[in-house]
Amino acid sequence: MISKDNCVWSWSENEGIKICYEEEEFEENKIPSSGGAQAGGYEFKCVPTVMNDSRFNEPSDVTFMNPMDLLPEGFQLPAQ
């Protein structure tokens, strides 16, 4: 998964999804980081890192789709 320029790319093999967002939407809905999480009996501890965005480019051999494009025209997500 790559997060860059207000977009997130996730893929497996040669297909993936790309979701872009407005910075304000992201900040309003961001889940606070507690430094660790548990899932499936495993504990994950993630720490932020700072890297130059030029090191992260989406693969050119993957077809990305935007799942929001599948929603009917005029559809709006419910306000939180």
N, C-alpha and C. Protein backbone atom coordinates (compact mmCIF):
# COMPACT_ATOMS: atom_id res chain seq x y z
N MET A 1 0.85 -1.16 0.00
CA MET A 1 0.00 0.00 0.00
C MET A 1 0.89 1.22 0.00
N ILE A 2 0.46 2.23 -0.77
CA ILE A 2 1.18 3.50 -0.83
C ILE A 2 0.18 4.61 -0.54
N SER A 3 0.57 5.56 0.29
CA SER A 3 -0.22 6.75 0.56
C SER A 3 0.63 7.94 0.14
N LYS A 4 0.14 8.68 -0.87
CA LYS A 4 0.92 9.79 -1.42
C LYS A 4 -0.03 10.77 -2.10
N ASP A 5 0.25 12.05 -1.96
CA ASP A 5 -0.52 13.09 -2.66
C ASP A 5 -2.02 12.95 -2.46
N ASN A 6 -2.47 12.76 -1.22
CA ASN A 6 -3.89 12.63 -0.88
C ASN A 6 -4.58 11.46 -1.57
N CYS A 7 -3.82 10.42 -1.94
CA CYS A 7 -4.39 9.21 -2.52
C CYS A 7 -3.76 7.99 -1.84
N VAL A 8 -4.51 6.91 -1.85
CA VAL A 8 -4.03 5.64 -1.30
C VAL A 8 -4.17 4.59 -2.39
N TRP A 9 -3.09 3.86 -2.66
CA TRP A 9 -3.09 2.77 -3.63
C TRP A 9 -2.88 1.47 -2.87
N SER A 10 -3.69 0.46 -3.17
CA SER A 10 -3.54 -0.86 -2.58
C SER A 10 -3.74 -1.87 -3.70
N TRP A 11 -2.92 -2.93 -3.74
CA TRP A 11 -3.02 -3.87 -4.84
C TRP A 11 -2.52 -5.24 -4.45
N SER A 12 -2.88 -6.20 -5.29
CA SER A 12 -2.42 -7.58 -5.20
C SER A 12 -2.33 -8.08 -6.64
N GLU A 13 -1.22 -8.71 -6.95
CA GLU A 13 -1.00 -9.16 -8.32
C GLU A 13 -1.06 -7.97 -9.28
N ASN A 14 -2.00 -7.98 -10.24
CA ASN A 14 -2.03 -6.90 -11.23
C ASN A 14 -3.32 -6.07 -11.19
N GLU A 15 -4.06 -6.13 -10.07
CA GLU A 15 -5.26 -5.33 -9.89
C GLU A 15 -5.22 -4.65 -8.54
N GLY A 16 -5.79 -3.46 -8.47
CA GLY A 16 -5.79 -2.74 -7.21
C GLY A 16 -6.84 -1.65 -7.19
N ILE A 17 -6.86 -0.93 -6.07
CA ILE A 17 -7.78 0.19 -5.92
C ILE A 17 -6.98 1.45 -5.60
N LYS A 18 -7.56 2.57 -6.00
CA LYS A 18 -6.98 3.87 -5.73
C LYS A 18 -8.10 4.75 -5.17
N ILE A 19 -7.88 5.31 -4.00
CA ILE A 19 -8.87 6.19 -3.38
C ILE A 19 -8.18 7.51 -3.07
N CYS A 20 -8.76 8.60 -3.56
CA CYS A 20 -8.23 9.93 -3.28
C CYS A 20 -9.20 10.66 -2.37
N TYR A 21 -8.70 11.60 -1.61
CA TYR A 21 -9.50 12.30 -0.63
C TYR A 21 -9.01 13.74 -0.51
N GLU A 22 -9.88 14.58 0.01
CA GLU A 22 -9.51 15.96 0.33
C GLU A 22 -8.84 15.94 1.69
N GLU A 23 -7.82 16.73 1.87
CA GLU A 23 -7.06 16.75 3.13
C GLU A 23 -7.98 17.03 4.33
N GLU A 24 -8.95 17.93 4.15
CA GLU A 24 -9.86 18.26 5.25
C GLU A 24 -10.68 17.04 5.67
N GLU A 25 -11.16 16.24 4.69
CA GLU A 25 -11.93 15.04 4.98
C GLU A 25 -11.09 14.05 5.77
N PHE A 26 -9.84 13.90 5.38
CA PHE A 26 -8.96 12.96 6.05
C PHE A 26 -8.75 13.35 7.51
N GLU A 27 -8.45 14.62 7.75
CA GLU A 27 -8.20 15.08 9.11
C GLU A 27 -9.44 14.94 9.99
N GLU A 28 -10.63 15.19 9.43
CA GLU A 28 -11.86 15.09 10.20
C GLU A 28 -12.19 13.66 10.60
N ASN A 29 -11.82 12.69 9.76
CA ASN A 29 -12.20 11.29 9.99
C ASN A 29 -11.04 10.41 10.43
N LYS A 30 -9.91 11.02 10.73
CA LYS A 30 -8.72 10.25 11.08
C LYS A 30 -8.91 9.54 12.41
N ILE A 31 -8.48 8.29 12.46
CA ILE A 31 -8.53 7.50 13.69
C ILE A 31 -7.26 7.79 14.48
N PRO A 32 -7.38 8.20 15.73
CA PRO A 32 -6.18 8.51 16.51
C PRO A 32 -5.27 7.29 16.63
N SER A 33 -3.98 7.52 16.53
CA SER A 33 -3.01 6.44 16.63
C SER A 33 -2.68 6.18 18.09
N SER A 34 -2.78 4.92 18.48
CA SER A 34 -2.44 4.57 19.86
C SER A 34 -1.06 3.94 19.94
N GLY A 35 -0.39 3.80 18.80
CA GLY A 35 0.95 3.22 18.79
C GLY A 35 0.94 1.71 18.67
N GLY A 36 -0.20 1.07 18.79
CA GLY A 36 -0.28 -0.38 18.67
C GLY A 36 -1.71 -0.82 18.44
N ALA A 37 -1.88 -2.01 17.90
CA ALA A 37 -3.21 -2.55 17.65
C ALA A 37 -3.14 -4.06 17.68
N GLN A 38 -4.29 -4.68 17.91
CA GLN A 38 -4.34 -6.14 17.91
C GLN A 38 -5.35 -6.59 16.88
N ALA A 39 -5.01 -7.65 16.17
CA ALA A 39 -5.91 -8.25 15.19
C ALA A 39 -5.53 -9.70 15.01
N GLY A 40 -6.51 -10.56 15.07
CA GLY A 40 -6.27 -11.98 14.84
C GLY A 40 -5.26 -12.59 15.80
N GLY A 41 -5.17 -12.06 17.01
CA GLY A 41 -4.25 -12.61 17.99
C GLY A 41 -2.82 -12.09 17.87
N TYR A 42 -2.60 -11.17 16.92
CA TYR A 42 -1.27 -10.59 16.74
C TYR A 42 -1.30 -9.14 17.18
N GLU A 43 -0.21 -8.68 17.71
CA GLU A 43 -0.11 -7.28 18.08
C GLU A 43 0.79 -6.56 17.08
N PHE A 44 0.31 -5.44 16.59
CA PHE A 44 1.06 -4.64 15.63
C PHE A 44 1.49 -3.35 16.29
N LYS A 45 2.72 -2.98 16.12
CA LYS A 45 3.22 -1.70 16.63
C LYS A 45 3.83 -0.95 15.46
N CYS A 46 3.16 0.11 15.07
CA CYS A 46 3.61 0.90 13.93
C CYS A 46 4.15 2.24 14.41
N VAL A 47 5.16 2.69 13.75
CA VAL A 47 5.72 4.00 14.05
C VAL A 47 5.85 4.77 12.73
N PRO A 48 5.61 6.08 12.79
CA PRO A 48 5.73 6.85 11.55
C PRO A 48 7.18 6.98 11.11
N THR A 49 7.36 7.15 9.83
CA THR A 49 8.67 7.40 9.28
C THR A 49 8.57 8.52 8.26
N VAL A 50 9.65 9.19 8.03
CA VAL A 50 9.65 10.27 7.06
C VAL A 50 10.55 9.88 5.90
N MET A 51 9.95 9.81 4.71
CA MET A 51 10.70 9.48 3.51
C MET A 51 10.25 10.41 2.40
N ASN A 52 11.11 10.61 1.46
CA ASN A 52 10.80 11.43 0.30
C ASN A 52 9.77 10.70 -0.55
N ASP A 53 8.69 11.42 -0.97
CA ASP A 53 7.63 10.81 -1.79
C ASP A 53 8.14 10.20 -3.08
N SER A 54 9.29 10.65 -3.57
CA SER A 54 9.80 10.11 -4.83
C SER A 54 10.16 8.63 -4.72
N ARG A 55 10.28 8.11 -3.51
CA ARG A 55 10.58 6.69 -3.32
C ARG A 55 9.33 5.83 -3.46
N PHE A 56 8.16 6.46 -3.51
CA PHE A 56 6.91 5.71 -3.56
C PHE A 56 6.14 6.07 -4.82
N ASN A 57 6.11 5.17 -5.75
CA ASN A 57 5.34 5.35 -6.97
C ASN A 57 4.52 4.10 -7.20
N GLU A 58 3.26 4.31 -7.61
CA GLU A 58 2.40 3.17 -7.86
C GLU A 58 2.95 2.36 -9.03
N PRO A 59 2.82 1.04 -8.98
CA PRO A 59 3.36 0.20 -10.04
C PRO A 59 2.63 0.43 -11.37
N SER A 60 3.38 0.49 -12.45
CA SER A 60 2.79 0.76 -13.76
C SER A 60 2.12 -0.47 -14.37
N ASP A 61 2.40 -1.67 -13.85
CA ASP A 61 1.80 -2.88 -14.41
C ASP A 61 0.54 -3.33 -13.66
N VAL A 62 -0.02 -2.45 -12.82
CA VAL A 62 -1.24 -2.75 -12.07
C VAL A 62 -2.36 -1.85 -12.57
N THR A 63 -3.54 -2.43 -12.77
CA THR A 63 -4.72 -1.66 -13.17
C THR A 63 -5.44 -1.25 -11.89
N PHE A 64 -5.53 0.06 -11.65
CA PHE A 64 -6.19 0.57 -10.46
C PHE A 64 -7.58 1.08 -10.81
N MET A 65 -8.55 0.79 -9.94
CA MET A 65 -9.90 1.33 -10.10
C MET A 65 -10.25 2.11 -8.85
N ASN A 66 -11.13 3.07 -9.00
CA ASN A 66 -11.61 3.86 -7.87
C ASN A 66 -12.99 3.32 -7.50
N PRO A 67 -13.14 2.72 -6.32
CA PRO A 67 -14.44 2.13 -5.96
C PRO A 67 -15.56 3.17 -5.91
N MET A 68 -15.23 4.45 -5.71
CA MET A 68 -16.26 5.49 -5.70
C MET A 68 -16.90 5.64 -7.08
N ASP A 69 -16.18 5.25 -8.14
CA ASP A 69 -16.73 5.32 -9.49
C ASP A 69 -17.87 4.32 -9.70
N LEU A 70 -18.01 3.33 -8.83
CA LEU A 70 -19.06 2.32 -8.95
C LEU A 70 -20.38 2.77 -8.33
N LEU A 71 -20.36 3.86 -7.56
CA LEU A 71 -21.57 4.35 -6.91
C LEU A 71 -22.45 5.09 -7.91
N PRO A 72 -23.77 5.06 -7.70
CA PRO A 72 -24.67 5.77 -8.61
C PRO A 72 -24.38 7.27 -8.60
N GLU A 73 -24.63 7.93 -9.72
CA GLU A 73 -24.40 9.37 -9.82
C GLU A 73 -25.25 10.10 -8.78
N GLY A 74 -24.66 11.04 -8.08
CA GLY A 74 -25.37 11.80 -7.06
C GLY A 74 -25.33 11.18 -5.68
N PHE A 75 -24.79 9.95 -5.57
CA PHE A 75 -24.70 9.29 -4.26
C PHE A 75 -23.77 10.07 -3.36
N GLN A 76 -24.16 10.24 -2.09
CA GLN A 76 -23.31 10.92 -1.12
C GLN A 76 -23.19 10.05 0.11
N LEU A 77 -21.99 9.98 0.65
CA LEU A 77 -21.79 9.24 1.88
C LEU A 77 -22.49 9.98 3.02
N PRO A 78 -23.03 9.25 4.00
CA PRO A 78 -23.72 9.93 5.12
C PRO A 78 -22.73 10.78 5.92
N ALA A 79 -23.19 11.90 6.38
CA ALA A 79 -22.36 12.78 7.22
C ALA A 79 -22.16 12.12 8.57
N GLN A 80 -20.98 12.34 9.13
CA GLN A 80 -20.70 11.74 10.44
C GLN A 80 -20.85 12.74 11.54
